[in-house]
Full PDB file with SEQRES, HELIX, SHEET, SSBOND, CRYST1, ORIGX, SCALE, CONECT and MASTER records, all heavy atoms in Angstrom:
SEQRES   1 A   33  SER ARG ARG ASP VAL GLU GLN LEU LEU ASP THR GLY GLN          
SEQRES   2 A   33  LEU VAL ASP ALA LEU ALA THR ALA MET SER ASP LEU SER          
SEQRES   3 A   33  ALA GLY HIS ALA SER ALA PRO                                  
HELIX    1 AA1 ARG A    2  LEU A    8  1                                   7    
HELIX    2 AA2 THR A   11  SER A   26  1                                  16    
CRYST1    1.000    1.000    1.000  90.00  90.00  90.00 P 1           1          
ORIGX1      1.000000  0.000000  0.000000        0.00000                         
ORIGX2      0.000000  1.000000  0.000000        0.00000                         
ORIGX3      0.000000  0.000000  1.000000        0.00000                         
SCALE1      1.000000  0.000000  0.000000        0.00000                         
SCALE2      0.000000  1.000000  0.000000        0.00000                         
SCALE3      0.000000  0.000000  1.000000        0.00000                         
ATOM      1  N   SER A   1      81.986 101.108 110.907  1.00  0.00           N  
ATOM      2  CA  SER A   1      80.609 101.480 110.591  1.00  0.00           C  
ATOM      3  C   SER A   1      80.555 102.875 109.984  1.00  0.00           C  
ATOM      4  O   SER A   1      81.558 103.611 109.961  1.00  0.00           O  
ATOM      5  CB  SER A   1      79.765 101.462 111.861  1.00  0.00           C  
ATOM      6  OG  SER A   1      80.173 102.531 112.720  1.00  0.00           O  
ATOM      7  N   ARG A   2      79.370 103.253 109.552  1.00  0.00           N  
ATOM      8  CA  ARG A   2      79.202 104.604 109.019  1.00  0.00           C  
ATOM      9  C   ARG A   2      79.508 105.647 110.092  1.00  0.00           C  
ATOM     10  O   ARG A   2      80.148 106.665 109.818  1.00  0.00           O  
ATOM     11  CB  ARG A   2      77.787 104.807 108.472  1.00  0.00           C  
ATOM     12  CG  ARG A   2      77.572 106.224 107.955  1.00  0.00           C  
ATOM     13  CD  ARG A   2      76.350 106.395 107.104  1.00  0.00           C  
ATOM     14  NE  ARG A   2      76.353 107.721 106.492  1.00  0.00           N  
ATOM     15  CZ  ARG A   2      75.454 108.155 105.629  1.00  0.00           C  
ATOM     16  NH1 ARG A   2      74.477 107.347 105.237  1.00  0.00           N  
ATOM     17  NH2 ARG A   2      75.524 109.365 105.116  1.00  0.00           N  
ATOM     18  N   ARG A   3      79.048 105.394 111.308  1.00  0.00           N  
ATOM     19  CA  ARG A   3      79.325 106.340 112.384  1.00  0.00           C  
ATOM     20  C   ARG A   3      80.828 106.468 112.621  1.00  0.00           C  
ATOM     21  O   ARG A   3      81.342 107.569 112.836  1.00  0.00           O  
ATOM     22  CB  ARG A   3      78.624 105.894 113.664  1.00  0.00           C  
ATOM     23  CG  ARG A   3      78.795 106.880 114.824  1.00  0.00           C  
ATOM     24  CD  ARG A   3      78.017 106.450 116.034  1.00  0.00           C  
ATOM     25  NE  ARG A   3      78.188 107.392 117.133  1.00  0.00           N  
ATOM     26  CZ  ARG A   3      77.651 107.242 118.330  1.00  0.00           C  
ATOM     27  NH1 ARG A   3      76.892 106.193 118.587  1.00  0.00           N  
ATOM     28  NH2 ARG A   3      77.853 108.133 119.280  1.00  0.00           N  
ATOM     29  N   ASP A   4      81.545 105.347 112.562  1.00  0.00           N  
ATOM     30  CA  ASP A   4      83.002 105.389 112.713  1.00  0.00           C  
ATOM     31  C   ASP A   4      83.618 106.274 111.633  1.00  0.00           C  
ATOM     32  O   ASP A   4      84.444 107.152 111.915  1.00  0.00           O  
ATOM     33  CB  ASP A   4      83.602 103.987 112.596  1.00  0.00           C  
ATOM     34  CG  ASP A   4      83.237 103.070 113.745  1.00  0.00           C  
ATOM     35  OD1 ASP A   4      82.984 103.579 114.862  1.00  0.00           O  
ATOM     36  OD2 ASP A   4      83.185 101.844 113.525  1.00  0.00           O  
ATOM     37  N   VAL A   5      83.226 106.023 110.384  1.00  0.00           N  
ATOM     38  CA  VAL A   5      83.797 106.761 109.257  1.00  0.00           C  
ATOM     39  C   VAL A   5      83.526 108.248 109.386  1.00  0.00           C  
ATOM     40  O   VAL A   5      84.418 109.085 109.169  1.00  0.00           O  
ATOM     41  CB  VAL A   5      83.242 106.210 107.925  1.00  0.00           C  
ATOM     42  CG1 VAL A   5      83.648 107.097 106.758  1.00  0.00           C  
ATOM     43  CG2 VAL A   5      83.729 104.780 107.690  1.00  0.00           C  
ATOM     44  N   GLU A   6      82.307 108.601 109.746  1.00  0.00           N  
ATOM     45  CA  GLU A   6      81.949 110.020 109.880  1.00  0.00           C  
ATOM     46  C   GLU A   6      82.783 110.703 110.965  1.00  0.00           C  
ATOM     47  O   GLU A   6      83.172 111.865 110.819  1.00  0.00           O  
ATOM     48  CB  GLU A   6      80.463 110.157 110.182  1.00  0.00           C  
ATOM     49  CG  GLU A   6      79.580 109.811 108.988  1.00  0.00           C  
ATOM     50  CD  GLU A   6      78.097 109.766 109.331  1.00  0.00           C  
ATOM     51  OE1 GLU A   6      77.762 109.605 110.531  1.00  0.00           O  
ATOM     52  OE2 GLU A   6      77.282 109.862 108.411  1.00  0.00           O  
ATOM     53  N   GLN A   7      83.064 109.986 112.054  1.00  0.00           N  
ATOM     54  CA  GLN A   7      83.883 110.554 113.126  1.00  0.00           C  
ATOM     55  C   GLN A   7      85.336 110.734 112.712  1.00  0.00           C  
ATOM     56  O   GLN A   7      86.025 111.628 113.208  1.00  0.00           O  
ATOM     57  CB  GLN A   7      83.836 109.646 114.360  1.00  0.00           C  
ATOM     58  CG  GLN A   7      82.521 109.605 115.095  1.00  0.00           C  
ATOM     59  CD  GLN A   7      82.622 108.716 116.328  1.00  0.00           C  
ATOM     60  OE1 GLN A   7      83.293 109.046 117.305  1.00  0.00           O  
ATOM     61  NE2 GLN A   7      81.974 107.563 116.275  1.00  0.00           N  
ATOM     62  N   LEU A   8      85.799 109.891 111.798  1.00  0.00           N  
ATOM     63  CA  LEU A   8      87.220 109.842 111.480  1.00  0.00           C  
ATOM     64  C   LEU A   8      87.632 110.735 110.314  1.00  0.00           C  
ATOM     65  O   LEU A   8      88.814 111.037 110.157  1.00  0.00           O  
ATOM     66  CB  LEU A   8      87.625 108.391 111.170  1.00  0.00           C  
ATOM     67  CG  LEU A   8      87.517 107.420 112.352  1.00  0.00           C  
ATOM     68  CD1 LEU A   8      87.617 105.979 111.871  1.00  0.00           C  
ATOM     69  CD2 LEU A   8      88.589 107.716 113.391  1.00  0.00           C  
ATOM     70  N   LEU A   9      86.674 111.151 109.494  1.00  0.00           N  
ATOM     71  CA  LEU A   9      86.999 111.963 108.318  1.00  0.00           C  
ATOM     72  C   LEU A   9      87.029 113.440 108.663  1.00  0.00           C  
ATOM     73  O   LEU A   9      86.097 113.970 109.273  1.00  0.00           O  
ATOM     74  CB  LEU A   9      85.981 111.714 107.203  1.00  0.00           C  
ATOM     75  CG  LEU A   9      86.298 110.588 106.223  1.00  0.00           C  
ATOM     76  CD1 LEU A   9      85.157 110.446 105.216  1.00  0.00           C  
ATOM     77  CD2 LEU A   9      87.612 110.817 105.482  1.00  0.00           C  
ATOM     78  N   ASP A  10      88.075 114.128 108.244  1.00  0.00           N  
ATOM     79  CA  ASP A  10      88.205 115.572 108.393  1.00  0.00           C  
ATOM     80  C   ASP A  10      88.267 116.188 106.995  1.00  0.00           C  
ATOM     81  O   ASP A  10      89.093 115.787 106.173  1.00  0.00           O  
ATOM     82  CB  ASP A  10      89.477 115.911 109.172  1.00  0.00           C  
ATOM     83  CG  ASP A  10      89.727 117.401 109.237  1.00  0.00           C  
ATOM     84  OD1 ASP A  10      89.143 118.058 110.121  1.00  0.00           O  
ATOM     85  OD2 ASP A  10      90.496 117.915 108.389  1.00  0.00           O  
ATOM     86  N   THR A  11      87.397 117.162 106.721  1.00  0.00           N  
ATOM     87  CA  THR A  11      87.282 117.703 105.368  1.00  0.00           C  
ATOM     88  C   THR A  11      88.579 118.343 104.890  1.00  0.00           C  
ATOM     89  O   THR A  11      89.013 118.123 103.758  1.00  0.00           O  
ATOM     90  CB  THR A  11      86.135 118.722 105.288  1.00  0.00           C  
ATOM     91  OG1 THR A  11      84.905 118.077 105.635  1.00  0.00           O  
ATOM     92  CG2 THR A  11      86.015 119.284 103.876  1.00  0.00           C  
ATOM     93  N   GLY A  12      89.207 119.137 105.739  1.00  0.00           N  
ATOM     94  CA  GLY A  12      90.444 119.786 105.343  1.00  0.00           C  
ATOM     95  C   GLY A  12      91.525 118.794 104.977  1.00  0.00           C  
ATOM     96  O   GLY A  12      92.222 118.939 103.954  1.00  0.00           O  
ATOM     97  N   GLN A  13      91.693 117.769 105.800  1.00  0.00           N  
ATOM     98  CA  GLN A  13      92.679 116.732 105.510  1.00  0.00           C  
ATOM     99  C   GLN A  13      92.316 115.973 104.241  1.00  0.00           C  
ATOM    100  O   GLN A  13      93.199 115.583 103.457  1.00  0.00           O  
ATOM    101  CB  GLN A  13      92.773 115.764 106.684  1.00  0.00           C  
ATOM    102  CG  GLN A  13      93.369 116.364 107.947  1.00  0.00           C  
ATOM    103  CD  GLN A  13      93.400 115.369 109.094  1.00  0.00           C  
ATOM    104  OE1 GLN A  13      92.810 114.290 109.014  1.00  0.00           O  
ATOM    105  NE2 GLN A  13      94.076 115.722 110.165  1.00  0.00           N  
ATOM    106  N   LEU A  14      91.011 115.761 104.024  1.00  0.00           N  
ATOM    107  CA  LEU A  14      90.570 115.014 102.853  1.00  0.00           C  
ATOM    108  C   LEU A  14      90.860 115.789 101.567  1.00  0.00           C  
ATOM    109  O   LEU A  14      91.295 115.199 100.571  1.00  0.00           O  
ATOM    110  CB  LEU A  14      89.085 114.692 102.974  1.00  0.00           C  
ATOM    111  CG  LEU A  14      88.454 113.877 101.836  1.00  0.00           C  
ATOM    112  CD1 LEU A  14      89.228 112.589 101.583  1.00  0.00           C  
ATOM    113  CD2 LEU A  14      86.992 113.578 102.150  1.00  0.00           C  
ATOM    114  N   VAL A  15      90.640 117.094 101.564  1.00  0.00           N  
ATOM    115  CA  VAL A  15      90.948 117.903 100.377  1.00  0.00           C  
ATOM    116  C   VAL A  15      92.428 117.767 100.033  1.00  0.00           C  
ATOM    117  O   VAL A  15      92.803 117.581  98.870  1.00  0.00           O  
ATOM    118  CB  VAL A  15      90.560 119.374 100.601  1.00  0.00           C  
ATOM    119  CG1 VAL A  15      91.058 120.250  99.452  1.00  0.00           C  
ATOM    120  CG2 VAL A  15      89.039 119.519 100.730  1.00  0.00           C  
ATOM    121  N   ASP A  16      93.290 117.832 101.037  1.00  0.00           N  
ATOM    122  CA  ASP A  16      94.731 117.704 100.796  1.00  0.00           C  
ATOM    123  C   ASP A  16      95.096 116.305 100.307  1.00  0.00           C  
ATOM    124  O   ASP A  16      95.934 116.141  99.406  1.00  0.00           O  
ATOM    125  CB  ASP A  16      95.512 118.024 102.067  1.00  0.00           C  
ATOM    126  CG  ASP A  16      95.439 119.491 102.451  1.00  0.00           C  
ATOM    127  OD1 ASP A  16      95.153 120.327 101.563  1.00  0.00           O  
ATOM    128  OD2 ASP A  16      95.662 119.805 103.641  1.00  0.00           O  
ATOM    129  N   ALA A  17      94.475 115.279 100.889  1.00  0.00           N  
ATOM    130  CA  ALA A  17      94.743 113.905 100.466  1.00  0.00           C  
ATOM    131  C   ALA A  17      94.289 113.675  99.029  1.00  0.00           C  
ATOM    132  O   ALA A  17      94.949 112.956  98.258  1.00  0.00           O  
ATOM    133  CB  ALA A  17      94.053 112.916 101.406  1.00  0.00           C  
ATOM    134  N   LEU A  18      93.173 114.279  98.661  1.00  0.00           N  
ATOM    135  CA  LEU A  18      92.678 114.161  97.290  1.00  0.00           C  
ATOM    136  C   LEU A  18      93.625 114.825  96.304  1.00  0.00           C  
ATOM    137  O   LEU A  18      93.846 114.320  95.194  1.00  0.00           O  
ATOM    138  CB  LEU A  18      91.279 114.768  97.179  1.00  0.00           C  
ATOM    139  CG  LEU A  18      90.161 113.916  97.769  1.00  0.00           C  
ATOM    140  CD1 LEU A  18      88.891 114.738  97.940  1.00  0.00           C  
ATOM    141  CD2 LEU A  18      89.887 112.701  96.877  1.00  0.00           C  
ATOM    142  N   ALA A  19      94.195 115.952  96.689  1.00  0.00           N  
ATOM    143  CA  ALA A  19      95.174 116.608  95.817  1.00  0.00           C  
ATOM    144  C   ALA A  19      96.334 115.663  95.526  1.00  0.00           C  
ATOM    145  O   ALA A  19      96.786 115.527  94.375  1.00  0.00           O  
ATOM    146  CB  ALA A  19      95.668 117.901  96.459  1.00  0.00           C  
ATOM    147  N   THR A  20      96.817 114.967  96.553  1.00  0.00           N  
ATOM    148  CA  THR A  20      97.912 114.010  96.375  1.00  0.00           C  
ATOM    149  C   THR A  20      97.493 112.861  95.466  1.00  0.00           C  
ATOM    150  O   THR A  20      98.220 112.476  94.539  1.00  0.00           O  
ATOM    151  CB  THR A  20      98.358 113.456  97.740  1.00  0.00           C  
ATOM    152  OG1 THR A  20      98.848 114.520  98.544  1.00  0.00           O  
ATOM    153  CG2 THR A  20      99.438 112.394  97.577  1.00  0.00           C  
ATOM    154  N   ALA A  21      96.314 112.302  95.710  1.00  0.00           N  
ATOM    155  CA  ALA A  21      95.855 111.146  94.944  1.00  0.00           C  
ATOM    156  C   ALA A  21      95.577 111.505  93.493  1.00  0.00           C  
ATOM    157  O   ALA A  21      95.900 110.727  92.578  1.00  0.00           O  
ATOM    158  CB  ALA A  21      94.598 110.570  95.597  1.00  0.00           C  
ATOM    159  N   MET A  22      94.991 112.675  93.249  1.00  0.00           N  
ATOM    160  CA  MET A  22      94.674 113.061  91.878  1.00  0.00           C  
ATOM    161  C   MET A  22      95.941 113.370  91.094  1.00  0.00           C  
ATOM    162  O   MET A  22      96.033 113.074  89.899  1.00  0.00           O  
ATOM    163  CB  MET A  22      93.723 114.251  91.870  1.00  0.00           C  
ATOM    164  CG  MET A  22      92.410 114.022  92.618  1.00  0.00           C  
ATOM    165  SD  MET A  22      91.588 112.468  92.223  1.00  0.00           S  
ATOM    166  CE  MET A  22      91.026 112.808  90.572  1.00  0.00           C  
ATOM    167  N   SER A  23      96.938 113.950  91.745  1.00  0.00           N  
ATOM    168  CA  SER A  23      98.231 114.161  91.101  1.00  0.00           C  
ATOM    169  C   SER A  23      98.876 112.820  90.760  1.00  0.00           C  
ATOM    170  O   SER A  23      99.464 112.642  89.681  1.00  0.00           O  
ATOM    171  CB  SER A  23      99.145 114.981  92.016  1.00  0.00           C  
ATOM    172  OG  SER A  23     100.423 115.142  91.453  1.00  0.00           O  
ATOM    173  N   ASP A  24      98.770 111.868  91.670  1.00  0.00           N  
ATOM    174  CA  ASP A  24      99.294 110.518  91.468  1.00  0.00           C  
ATOM    175  C   ASP A  24      98.649 109.868  90.240  1.00  0.00           C  
ATOM    176  O   ASP A  24      99.312 109.221  89.427  1.00  0.00           O  
ATOM    177  CB  ASP A  24      99.014 109.688  92.724  1.00  0.00           C  
ATOM    178  CG  ASP A  24      99.933 108.485  92.882  1.00  0.00           C  
ATOM    179  OD1 ASP A  24     101.076 108.541  92.414  1.00  0.00           O  
ATOM    180  OD2 ASP A  24      99.501 107.501  93.510  1.00  0.00           O  
ATOM    181  N   LEU A  25      97.338 110.067  90.093  1.00  0.00           N  
ATOM    182  CA  LEU A  25      96.611 109.502  88.952  1.00  0.00           C  
ATOM    183  C   LEU A  25      97.053 110.148  87.644  1.00  0.00           C  
ATOM    184  O   LEU A  25      97.336 109.455  86.659  1.00  0.00           O  
ATOM    185  CB  LEU A  25      95.107 109.688  89.159  1.00  0.00           C  
ATOM    186  CG  LEU A  25      94.211 109.153  88.044  1.00  0.00           C  
ATOM    187  CD1 LEU A  25      94.293 107.634  87.955  1.00  0.00           C  
ATOM    188  CD2 LEU A  25      92.762 109.592  88.264  1.00  0.00           C  
ATOM    189  N   SER A  26      97.118 111.472  87.622  1.00  0.00           N  
ATOM    190  CA  SER A  26      97.489 112.167  86.390  1.00  0.00           C  
ATOM    191  C   SER A  26      98.935 111.899  85.988  1.00  0.00           C  
ATOM    192  O   SER A  26      99.277 111.964  84.804  1.00  0.00           O  
ATOM    193  CB  SER A  26      97.259 113.672  86.541  1.00  0.00           C  
ATOM    194  OG  SER A  26      95.872 113.959  86.616  1.00  0.00           O  
ATOM    195  N   ALA A  27      99.778 111.586  86.953  1.00  0.00           N  
ATOM    196  CA  ALA A  27     101.170 111.249  86.659  1.00  0.00           C  
ATOM    197  C   ALA A  27     101.322 109.832  86.125  1.00  0.00           C  
ATOM    198  O   ALA A  27     102.416 109.427  85.719  1.00  0.00           O  
ATOM    199  CB  ALA A  27     102.021 111.432  87.910  1.00  0.00           C  
ATOM    200  N   GLY A  28     100.229 109.053  86.135  1.00  0.00           N  
ATOM    201  CA  GLY A  28     100.263 107.698  85.612  1.00  0.00           C  
ATOM    202  C   GLY A  28     100.671 106.643  86.606  1.00  0.00           C  
ATOM    203  O   GLY A  28     100.903 105.485  86.233  1.00  0.00           O  
ATOM    204  N   HIS A  29     100.741 106.996  87.885  1.00  0.00           N  
ATOM    205  CA  HIS A  29     101.177 106.038  88.904  1.00  0.00           C  
ATOM    206  C   HIS A  29     100.005 105.266  89.517  1.00  0.00           C  
ATOM    207  O   HIS A  29     100.145 104.084  89.840  1.00  0.00           O  
ATOM    208  CB  HIS A  29     101.943 106.756  90.012  1.00  0.00           C  
ATOM    209  CG  HIS A  29     103.117 107.542  89.520  1.00  0.00           C  
ATOM    210  ND1 HIS A  29     104.027 107.024  88.632  1.00  0.00           N  
ATOM    211  CD2 HIS A  29     103.513 108.820  89.778  1.00  0.00           C  
ATOM    212  CE1 HIS A  29     104.949 107.927  88.363  1.00  0.00           C  
ATOM    213  NE2 HIS A  29     104.664 109.026  89.040  1.00  0.00           N  
ATOM    214  N   ALA A  30      98.880 105.933  89.710  1.00  0.00           N  
ATOM    215  CA  ALA A  30      97.712 105.298  90.330  1.00  0.00           C  
ATOM    216  C   ALA A  30      96.899 104.532  89.285  1.00  0.00           C  
ATOM    217  O   ALA A  30      97.022 104.772  88.078  1.00  0.00           O  
ATOM    218  CB  ALA A  30      96.837 106.352  91.007  1.00  0.00           C  
ATOM    219  N   SER A  31      96.073 103.625  89.773  1.00  0.00           N  
ATOM    220  CA  SER A  31      95.225 102.817  88.897  1.00  0.00           C  
ATOM    221  C   SER A  31      93.775 102.940  89.348  1.00  0.00           C  
ATOM    222  O   SER A  31      93.454 102.697  90.515  1.00  0.00           O  
ATOM    223  CB  SER A  31      95.659 101.348  88.950  1.00  0.00           C  
ATOM    224  OG  SER A  31      94.799 100.540  88.175  1.00  0.00           O  
ATOM    225  N   ALA A  32      92.902 103.341  88.416  1.00  0.00           N  
ATOM    226  CA  ALA A  32      91.470 103.467  88.715  1.00  0.00           C  
ATOM    227  C   ALA A  32      90.684 103.194  87.442  1.00  0.00           C  
ATOM    228  O   ALA A  32      90.304 104.113  86.724  1.00  0.00           O  
ATOM    229  CB  ALA A  32      91.148 104.863  89.247  1.00  0.00           C  
ATOM    230  N   PRO A  33      90.464 101.905  87.113  1.00  0.00           N  
ATOM    231  CA  PRO A  33      89.754 101.574  85.876  1.00  0.00           C  
ATOM    232  C   PRO A  33      88.331 102.113  85.897  1.00  0.00           C  
ATOM    233  O   PRO A  33      87.759 102.349  86.967  1.00  0.00           O  
ATOM    234  CB  PRO A  33      89.768 100.046  85.859  1.00  0.00           C  
ATOM    235  CG  PRO A  33      90.025  99.632  87.266  1.00  0.00           C  
ATOM    236  CD  PRO A  33      90.845 100.714  87.889  1.00  0.00           C  
TER     237      PRO A  33                                                      
MASTER        0    0    0    2    0    0    0    6  236    1    0    3          
END                                                                             
């Protein structure tokens, strides 16, 4: 649920995870049409 998601997301961890994912995309490995 939304409440579950809100409890489980940590902003600091999310910023770091986004850095990994965006690097993955720019390197041509990820797919996001």
